[in-house]
Amino acid sequence: MADEIRAEMVANVWKVVANVGDSVADGDTLVILESMKMEIPVIAESDGTVAQLAVNEGDVVQEGDLIAVIN
């Protein structure tokens, strides 16, 4: 079952760490967001493979926006 990772706040996508096809483990950083000069890592919530990345560096995400899908 796919695990959708969503933004928890409004932020800028500072850095995309993972790529589609990468194997990730629970706790691995996928993307780093920036909000109010703070860096917020977005982490994988399960082991699997990155099936989709819905953001690019420089994008602005809103609360609830899809960031990644892990299968």
C-alpha atoms as a PDB file:
ATOM      1  CA  MET A   1       0.000   0.000   0.000  1.00  0.00           C
ATOM      2  CA  ALA A   2       1.343   3.431  -0.932  1.00  0.00           C
ATOM      3  CA  ASP A   3       2.320   5.853   1.819  1.00  0.00           C
ATOM      4  CA  GLU A   4       1.595   9.501   0.932  1.00  0.00           C
ATOM      5  CA  ILE A   5       3.860  12.068   2.583  1.00  0.00           C
ATOM      6  CA  ARG A   6       2.178  15.475   2.895  1.00  0.00           C
ATOM      7  CA  ALA A   7       3.322  18.924   4.021  1.00  0.00           C
ATOM      8  CA  GLU A   8       2.490  19.791   7.609  1.00  0.00           C
ATOM      9  CA  MET A   9       2.860  23.558   7.081  1.00  0.00           C
ATOM     10  CA  VAL A  10       3.310  26.282   4.498  1.00  0.00           C
ATOM     11  CA  ALA A  11       6.986  26.279   3.504  1.00  0.00           C
ATOM     12  CA  ASN A  12       9.491  26.565   0.674  1.00  0.00           C
ATOM     13  CA  VAL A  13      11.118  23.416  -0.700  1.00  0.00           C
ATOM     14  CA  TRP A  14      14.761  24.132   0.071  1.00  0.00           C
ATOM     15  CA  LYS A  15      16.323  20.834  -1.010  1.00  0.00           C
ATOM     16  CA  VAL A  16      15.112  17.570  -2.537  1.00  0.00           C
ATOM     17  CA  VAL A  17      17.257  14.775  -1.098  1.00  0.00           C
ATOM     18  CA  ALA A  18      15.594  11.625  -2.503  1.00  0.00           C
ATOM     19  CA  ASN A  19      14.944  10.670  -6.116  1.00  0.00           C
ATOM     20  CA  VAL A  20      12.212   8.575  -7.710  1.00  0.00           C
ATOM     21  CA  GLY A  21      13.329   4.940  -7.555  1.00  0.00           C
ATOM     22  CA  ASP A  22      15.436   5.367  -4.409  1.00  0.00           C
ATOM     23  CA  SER A  23      15.025   2.800  -1.644  1.00  0.00           C
ATOM     24  CA  VAL A  24      14.323   4.517   1.659  1.00  0.00           C
ATOM     25  CA  ALA A  25      13.988   3.389   5.247  1.00  0.00           C
ATOM     26  CA  ASP A  26      11.649   4.694   7.929  1.00  0.00           C
ATOM     27  CA  GLY A  27      13.214   7.955   9.145  1.00  0.00           C
ATOM     28  CA  ASP A  28      15.226   8.793   5.996  1.00  0.00           C
ATOM     29  CA  THR A  29      15.039  12.410   4.862  1.00  0.00           C
ATOM     30  CA  LEU A  30      13.195  12.894   1.560  1.00  0.00           C
ATOM     31  CA  VAL A  31      12.985  16.685   1.302  1.00  0.00           C
ATOM     32  CA  ILE A  32      14.077  19.655   3.400  1.00  0.00           C
ATOM     33  CA  LEU A  33      11.588  22.481   3.776  1.00  0.00           C
ATOM     34  CA  GLU A  34      12.399  26.028   4.885  1.00  0.00           C
ATOM     35  CA  SER A  35      10.012  28.177   6.867  1.00  0.00           C
ATOM     36  CA  MET A  36      10.861  31.301   8.882  1.00  0.00           C
ATOM     37  CA  LYS A  37      14.591  30.594   8.388  1.00  0.00           C
ATOM     38  CA  MET A  38      14.256  27.115   9.920  1.00  0.00           C
ATOM     39  CA  GLU A  39      15.071  23.899   8.047  1.00  0.00           C
ATOM     40  CA  ILE A  40      12.425  21.202   8.483  1.00  0.00           C
ATOM     41  CA  PRO A  41      13.248  17.681   7.264  1.00  0.00           C
ATOM     42  CA  VAL A  42      10.404  15.684   5.721  1.00  0.00           C
ATOM     43  CA  ILE A  43      11.057  12.048   6.536  1.00  0.00           C
ATOM     44  CA  ALA A  44       9.893   8.709   5.178  1.00  0.00           C
ATOM     45  CA  GLU A  45       7.301   7.154   7.442  1.00  0.00           C
ATOM     46  CA  SER A  46       7.927   3.609   6.211  1.00  0.00           C
ATOM     47  CA  ASP A  47      10.454   1.474   4.351  1.00  0.00           C
ATOM     48  CA  GLY A  48       9.986   1.306   0.595  1.00  0.00           C
ATOM     49  CA  THR A  49      10.770   2.850  -2.774  1.00  0.00           C
ATOM     50  CA  VAL A  50      10.103   6.464  -3.736  1.00  0.00           C
ATOM     51  CA  ALA A  51       7.393   6.126  -6.403  1.00  0.00           C
ATOM     52  CA  GLN A  52       6.669   9.832  -6.859  1.00  0.00           C
ATOM     53  CA  LEU A  53       8.117  13.199  -5.874  1.00  0.00           C
ATOM     54  CA  ALA A  54       5.511  15.936  -6.256  1.00  0.00           C
ATOM     55  CA  VAL A  55       7.808  18.884  -5.467  1.00  0.00           C
ATOM     56  CA  ASN A  56      10.910  20.556  -6.868  1.00  0.00           C
ATOM     57  CA  GLU A  57      13.463  22.791  -5.190  1.00  0.00           C
ATOM     58  CA  GLY A  58      12.075  26.319  -4.967  1.00  0.00           C
ATOM     59  CA  ASP A  59       8.412  25.251  -4.857  1.00  0.00           C
ATOM     60  CA  VAL A  60       6.087  26.553  -2.161  1.00  0.00           C
ATOM     61  CA  VAL A  61       3.919  23.944  -0.450  1.00  0.00           C
ATOM     62  CA  GLN A  62       0.736  24.509   1.482  1.00  0.00           C
ATOM     63  CA  GLU A  63      -0.401  22.455   4.473  1.00  0.00           C
ATOM     64  CA  GLY A  64      -1.658  19.106   3.172  1.00  0.00           C
ATOM     65  CA  ASP A  65       0.078  19.278  -0.230  1.00  0.00           C
ATOM     66  CA  LEU A  66       1.520  15.997  -1.493  1.00  0.00           C
ATOM     67  CA  ILE A  67       5.309  15.822  -1.244  1.00  0.00           C
ATOM     68  CA  ALA A  68       6.081  12.182  -2.050  1.00  0.00           C
ATOM     69  CA  VAL A  69       4.627   8.700  -2.418  1.00  0.00           C
ATOM     70  CA  ILE A  70       6.454   5.642  -1.093  1.00  0.00           C
ATOM     71  CA  ASN A  71       5.536   2.103  -2.179  1.00  0.00           C
END
